Amino acid sequence: MKKYIITAFLFAGILSSCGEYNKVLKSTDYEYQYEAAKSYFGKGQHSRAAVILEELISILKGTEYGEESLYMLAMTYYNQGDFISAAHYFNTYYTTYPRGTYTELARFFSGKSLYMDTPEPRLDQTSTYRAIQELQMFIEYFPSSNRREQAQNMIFELQDKLVEKEYLAAKLYYNLGSYTGNSVRSSTGNNYLAAIVTAENVLKDYPYTKMREDISILILRARYDMAKESVDEKKEERMRETVDEYYAFINDFPESKYMDEAVKIFNDASKYVHNDDEEN
């Protein structure tokens, strides 16, 4: 019996809660709706708060409640994990209120929302570039913010994602290796140069990436394999470039995990390179 009484009270509470919420939605007292939305927000009932605030933000714009209601709406979406909507409303807030009470927070969470929504490296990274730009703008506008370090760390993570995407592209070119045309007019070639160019551009754009060693060994491999498949008149020149790449690699990574592989490439490439001193 006691169990049924408790259940009945809980059910009554739910009905009461739903009834109150419906009352808020139907009300034309905007101040009452605003206070109810704040209450729901404070209780963590973000979906309810969002529904009310969506209706209120255009009505309250220009009033004493307009600024806070817009920021609160953005936060309700952020707390629900709807980062695209959150970023939109945070952006709307700091555009509408460039010197507002919550402008610093809005710029930070706008960038963080975009950061949270970025895809895995293999997918299109347009949103990653947007997130980086937004976080960089936050740092530019608020260089002394106590959230600066967090924003900077997010930028580094996003840049690593861009590096990984380009590394995967370079690796794909390398793995494709040689190709042979399927017609009389088609010629034999390889994708090693594309791998080298792609990888070198990554290092140029992100010289301090944590993937630098992996990218550098890929360049060395690609130069070596391209040299091996070169015609005789180009083989020595390209093997010499491979040797030069080896020296650059061991200079940057004297204790590399790839050292055995690098030395093996060097020893074989050196066989094709004539020493001018010996010829004289």
Protein backbone atom coordinates (compact mmCIF):
# COMPACT_ATOMS: atom_id res chain seq x y z
CA MET A 1 0.00 0.00 0.00
CA LYS A 2 2.81 2.36 0.90
CA LYS A 3 4.39 1.74 -2.50
CA TYR A 4 1.20 2.75 -4.29
CA ILE A 5 0.91 5.94 -2.21
CA ILE A 6 4.47 6.96 -3.11
CA THR A 7 3.82 6.22 -6.80
CA ALA A 8 0.64 8.26 -6.71
CA PHE A 9 2.48 11.25 -5.23
CA LEU A 10 5.19 11.01 -7.86
CA PHE A 11 2.64 10.82 -10.65
CA ALA A 12 0.79 13.79 -9.23
CA GLY A 13 4.07 15.68 -9.11
CA ILE A 14 4.73 14.91 -12.76
CA LEU A 15 1.24 16.05 -13.75
CA SER A 16 1.70 19.20 -11.70
CA SER A 17 5.04 19.84 -13.37
CA CYS A 18 3.61 19.29 -16.84
CA GLY A 19 0.64 21.46 -15.99
CA GLU A 20 2.87 24.28 -14.83
CA TYR A 21 5.02 24.01 -17.95
CA ASN A 22 1.96 24.17 -20.23
CA LYS A 23 0.73 27.15 -18.26
CA VAL A 24 4.05 28.92 -18.92
CA LEU A 25 3.88 28.15 -22.63
CA LYS A 26 0.35 29.56 -22.94
CA SER A 27 1.02 32.66 -20.86
CA THR A 28 1.23 36.11 -22.43
CA ASP A 29 3.10 37.46 -19.43
CA TYR A 30 6.61 37.58 -20.90
CA GLU A 31 8.29 38.44 -17.63
CA TYR A 32 6.64 35.40 -16.03
CA GLN A 33 7.82 33.23 -18.94
CA TYR A 34 11.32 34.62 -18.65
CA GLU A 35 11.52 33.86 -14.92
CA ALA A 36 10.15 30.36 -15.57
CA ALA A 37 12.80 29.78 -18.24
CA LYS A 38 15.50 30.84 -15.78
CA SER A 39 14.07 28.46 -13.23
CA TYR A 40 14.07 25.55 -15.69
CA PHE A 41 17.60 26.45 -16.73
CA GLY A 42 18.75 26.48 -13.12
CA LYS A 43 17.21 23.04 -12.54
CA GLY A 44 18.98 21.62 -15.59
CA GLN A 45 15.74 21.29 -17.58
CA HIS A 46 17.38 22.76 -20.65
CA SER A 47 14.97 21.52 -23.30
CA ARG A 48 12.06 23.25 -21.53
CA ALA A 49 14.05 26.40 -21.06
CA ALA A 50 15.05 26.38 -24.74
CA VAL A 51 11.46 26.09 -25.98
CA ILE A 52 10.40 29.08 -23.91
CA LEU A 53 13.44 31.18 -24.75
CA GLU A 54 13.10 30.51 -28.49
CA GLU A 55 9.74 32.27 -28.32
CA LEU A 56 11.01 35.07 -26.10
CA ILE A 57 14.30 36.26 -27.60
CA SER A 58 12.73 38.32 -30.38
CA ILE A 59 10.14 39.75 -27.97
CA LEU A 60 12.67 40.60 -25.27
CA LYS A 61 15.26 42.07 -27.63
CA GLY A 62 15.96 45.63 -26.55
CA THR A 63 14.58 45.06 -23.07
CA GLU A 64 16.50 44.54 -19.83
CA TYR A 65 16.02 40.79 -20.28
CA GLY A 66 17.09 40.54 -23.91
CA GLU A 67 20.80 40.09 -23.41
CA GLU A 68 20.60 37.43 -20.73
CA SER A 69 17.82 35.51 -22.47
CA LEU A 70 19.88 35.18 -25.66
CA TYR A 71 22.99 33.98 -23.82
CA MET A 72 20.91 31.60 -21.72
CA LEU A 73 19.33 30.14 -24.88
CA ALA A 74 22.78 29.46 -26.32
CA MET A 75 23.80 27.73 -23.10
CA THR A 76 20.69 25.53 -23.08
CA TYR A 77 21.67 24.15 -26.48
CA TYR A 78 25.28 23.74 -25.42
CA ASN A 79 24.24 21.80 -22.32
CA GLN A 80 22.02 19.57 -24.47
CA GLY A 81 24.90 18.77 -26.82
CA ASP A 82 23.37 20.62 -29.78
CA PHE A 83 26.62 22.38 -30.58
CA ILE A 84 25.62 23.76 -33.99
CA SER A 85 22.62 25.61 -32.52
CA ALA A 86 24.73 26.68 -29.54
CA ALA A 87 27.46 28.13 -31.77
CA HIS A 88 24.81 29.99 -33.80
CA TYR A 89 23.28 31.65 -30.75
CA PHE A 90 26.61 32.42 -29.10
CA ASN A 91 27.64 34.09 -32.34
CA THR A 92 24.36 35.97 -32.46
CA TYR A 93 24.91 37.13 -28.88
CA TYR A 94 28.40 38.60 -29.29
CA THR A 95 27.43 40.14 -32.64
CA THR A 96 24.37 41.77 -31.09
CA TYR A 97 26.12 42.68 -27.82
CA PRO A 98 29.82 43.20 -28.66
CA ARG A 99 30.39 44.76 -25.23
CA GLY A 100 27.82 42.70 -23.38
CA THR A 101 28.06 41.14 -19.95
CA TYR A 102 28.59 37.66 -21.44
CA THR A 103 30.59 38.55 -24.56
CA GLU A 104 33.81 36.90 -23.39
CA LEU A 105 31.96 33.71 -22.48
CA ALA A 106 29.94 33.78 -25.69
CA ARG A 107 33.05 34.03 -27.86
CA PHE A 108 34.75 31.24 -25.93
CA PHE A 109 31.77 28.89 -26.03
CA SER A 110 31.12 29.68 -29.66
CA GLY A 111 34.61 28.36 -30.44
CA LYS A 112 34.26 25.45 -28.04
CA SER A 113 30.89 24.47 -29.53
CA LEU A 114 32.43 24.30 -32.99
CA TYR A 115 35.39 22.39 -31.54
CA MET A 116 33.01 19.83 -30.01
CA ASP A 117 31.30 19.32 -33.36
CA THR A 118 34.38 18.70 -35.53
CA PRO A 119 34.51 15.36 -37.38
CA GLU A 120 37.16 12.65 -37.44
CA PRO A 121 40.27 13.43 -39.57
CA ARG A 122 39.20 11.35 -42.61
CA LEU A 123 36.11 13.52 -43.15
CA ASP A 124 35.74 17.04 -44.50
CA GLN A 125 37.41 19.51 -42.13
CA THR A 126 35.59 22.73 -43.04
CA SER A 127 34.10 22.94 -39.54
CA THR A 128 37.56 22.41 -38.03
CA TYR A 129 38.86 25.50 -39.82
CA ARG A 130 35.83 27.43 -38.54
CA ALA A 131 36.48 26.29 -34.98
CA ILE A 132 40.14 27.33 -35.17
CA GLN A 133 39.18 30.74 -36.53
CA GLU A 134 36.59 31.27 -33.80
CA LEU A 135 39.00 30.28 -31.02
CA GLN A 136 41.74 32.47 -32.45
CA MET A 137 39.34 35.40 -32.50
CA PHE A 138 38.50 34.73 -28.85
CA ILE A 139 42.20 34.88 -27.94
CA GLU A 140 42.64 38.05 -29.99
CA TYR A 141 39.72 39.79 -28.30
CA PHE A 142 40.48 38.52 -24.80
CA PRO A 143 44.24 37.89 -24.57
CA SER A 144 44.20 38.04 -20.77
CA SER A 145 41.27 35.68 -20.29
CA ASN A 146 41.70 32.83 -17.84
CA ARG A 147 40.29 30.63 -20.63
CA ARG A 148 43.06 31.56 -23.05
CA GLU A 149 45.15 28.45 -22.33
CA GLN A 150 42.15 26.18 -22.78
CA ALA A 151 41.34 27.85 -26.09
CA GLN A 152 44.94 27.52 -27.23
CA ASN A 153 44.98 23.82 -26.36
CA MET A 154 41.82 23.29 -28.38
CA ILE A 155 43.46 25.03 -31.35
CA PHE A 156 46.47 22.71 -31.06
CA GLU A 157 44.17 19.67 -31.01
CA LEU A 158 42.28 20.91 -34.05
CA GLN A 159 45.52 21.59 -35.92
CA ASP A 160 46.64 18.04 -35.11
CA LYS A 161 43.41 16.84 -36.72
CA LEU A 162 44.20 18.81 -39.88
CA VAL A 163 47.74 17.42 -39.90
CA GLU A 164 46.44 13.88 -39.52
CA LYS A 165 44.07 14.35 -42.47
CA GLU A 166 46.91 15.54 -44.70
CA TYR A 167 49.19 12.79 -43.42
CA LEU A 168 46.55 10.21 -44.32
CA ALA A 169 46.31 11.76 -47.79
CA ALA A 170 50.11 11.60 -48.23
CA LYS A 171 50.13 8.03 -46.95
CA LEU A 172 47.39 7.09 -49.41
CA TYR A 173 49.46 8.49 -52.30
CA TYR A 174 52.43 6.50 -51.04
CA ASN A 175 50.44 3.28 -50.70
CA LEU A 176 49.04 3.69 -54.21
CA GLY A 177 52.64 3.54 -55.41
CA SER A 178 53.16 2.97 -59.11
CA TYR A 179 50.56 2.86 -61.82
CA THR A 180 50.60 1.64 -65.40
CA GLY A 181 48.39 3.02 -68.13
CA ASN A 182 45.84 0.74 -69.67
CA SER A 183 46.22 2.06 -73.19
CA VAL A 184 48.99 2.61 -75.71
CA ARG A 185 49.01 6.35 -75.05
CA SER A 186 49.04 5.99 -71.28
CA SER A 187 52.38 5.86 -69.51
CA THR A 188 53.77 4.29 -66.39
CA GLY A 189 54.19 6.55 -63.36
CA ASN A 190 53.88 6.72 -59.61
CA ASN A 191 52.26 8.67 -56.80
CA TYR A 192 55.41 9.10 -54.73
CA LEU A 193 55.96 12.72 -55.75
CA ALA A 194 52.39 13.56 -54.72
CA ALA A 195 53.08 11.91 -51.35
CA ILE A 196 56.26 13.95 -50.91
CA VAL A 197 54.66 17.28 -51.87
CA THR A 198 51.64 16.69 -49.63
CA ALA A 199 53.79 15.68 -46.65
CA GLU A 200 56.24 18.57 -47.11
CA ASN A 201 53.39 21.07 -47.25
CA VAL A 202 52.08 19.74 -43.93
CA LEU A 203 55.48 20.28 -42.29
CA LYS A 204 55.67 23.74 -43.80
CA ASP A 205 52.24 24.70 -42.46
CA TYR A 206 52.61 22.94 -39.08
CA PRO A 207 56.35 22.70 -38.32
CA TYR A 208 55.84 21.80 -34.66
CA THR A 209 53.30 19.04 -35.13
CA LYS A 210 53.65 15.99 -32.92
CA MET A 211 53.42 13.89 -36.09
CA ARG A 212 56.57 15.41 -37.57
CA GLU A 213 58.63 12.22 -37.20
CA ASP A 214 55.98 10.04 -38.88
CA ILE A 215 55.61 12.52 -41.72
CA SER A 216 59.39 12.83 -42.18
CA ILE A 217 59.95 9.09 -42.47
CA LEU A 218 57.14 8.93 -45.02
CA ILE A 219 58.97 11.53 -47.12
CA LEU A 220 62.19 9.50 -46.89
CA ARG A 221 60.38 6.31 -47.92
CA ALA A 222 58.68 8.05 -50.83
CA ARG A 223 61.93 9.58 -52.11
CA TYR A 224 63.64 6.20 -51.93
CA ASP A 225 60.86 4.29 -53.70
CA MET A 226 60.57 6.99 -56.36
CA ALA A 227 64.32 6.79 -56.93
CA LYS A 228 64.20 2.99 -57.22
CA GLU A 229 61.58 3.20 -59.96
CA SER A 230 63.27 6.01 -61.84
CA VAL A 231 64.76 5.59 -65.30
CA ASP A 232 68.55 5.17 -65.32
CA GLU A 233 69.35 8.79 -66.22
CA LYS A 234 67.40 10.05 -63.18
CA LYS A 235 68.16 7.29 -60.70
CA GLU A 236 71.46 8.65 -59.33
CA GLU A 237 70.09 12.16 -58.85
CA ARG A 238 67.06 10.87 -56.99
CA MET A 239 69.11 8.49 -54.87
CA ARG A 240 71.29 11.46 -53.94
CA GLU A 241 68.15 13.34 -52.89
CA THR A 242 67.25 10.28 -50.81
CA VAL A 243 70.62 10.37 -49.08
CA ASP A 244 70.20 14.09 -48.39
CA GLU A 245 66.74 13.37 -46.97
CA TYR A 246 68.26 10.69 -44.73
CA TYR A 247 70.78 13.16 -43.26
CA ALA A 248 68.00 15.69 -42.64
CA PHE A 249 65.95 12.98 -40.94
CA ILE A 250 68.66 11.75 -38.56
CA ASN A 251 69.60 15.34 -37.76
CA ASP A 252 66.02 16.04 -36.65
CA PHE A 253 65.46 12.65 -35.02
CA PRO A 254 68.80 11.21 -33.86
CA GLU A 255 67.01 8.64 -31.67
CA SER A 256 64.14 7.91 -34.00
CA LYS A 257 62.02 4.79 -33.65
CA TYR A 258 62.48 4.47 -37.42
CA MET A 259 66.29 4.56 -37.30
CA ASP A 260 66.82 0.96 -38.50
CA GLU A 261 64.60 1.55 -41.51
CA ALA A 262 66.26 4.89 -42.27
CA VAL A 263 69.77 3.37 -42.14
CA LYS A 264 68.71 0.53 -44.43
CA ILE A 265 67.37 3.06 -46.96
CA PHE A 266 70.58 5.08 -46.69
CA ASN A 267 72.85 2.07 -47.22
CA ASP A 268 71.03 1.01 -50.35
CA ALA A 269 70.67 4.54 -51.77
CA SER A 270 74.39 5.21 -51.22
CA LYS A 271 75.29 2.41 -53.64
CA TYR A 272 73.90 4.47 -56.51
CA VAL A 273 75.62 7.73 -55.58
CA HIS A 274 79.08 8.31 -57.00
CA ASN A 275 81.60 10.18 -54.88
CA ASP A 276 83.14 12.99 -56.91
CA ASP A 277 86.37 12.83 -54.84
CA GLU A 278 86.84 9.16 -55.72
CA GLU A 279 86.43 9.91 -59.44
CA ASN A 280 89.15 12.54 -59.27
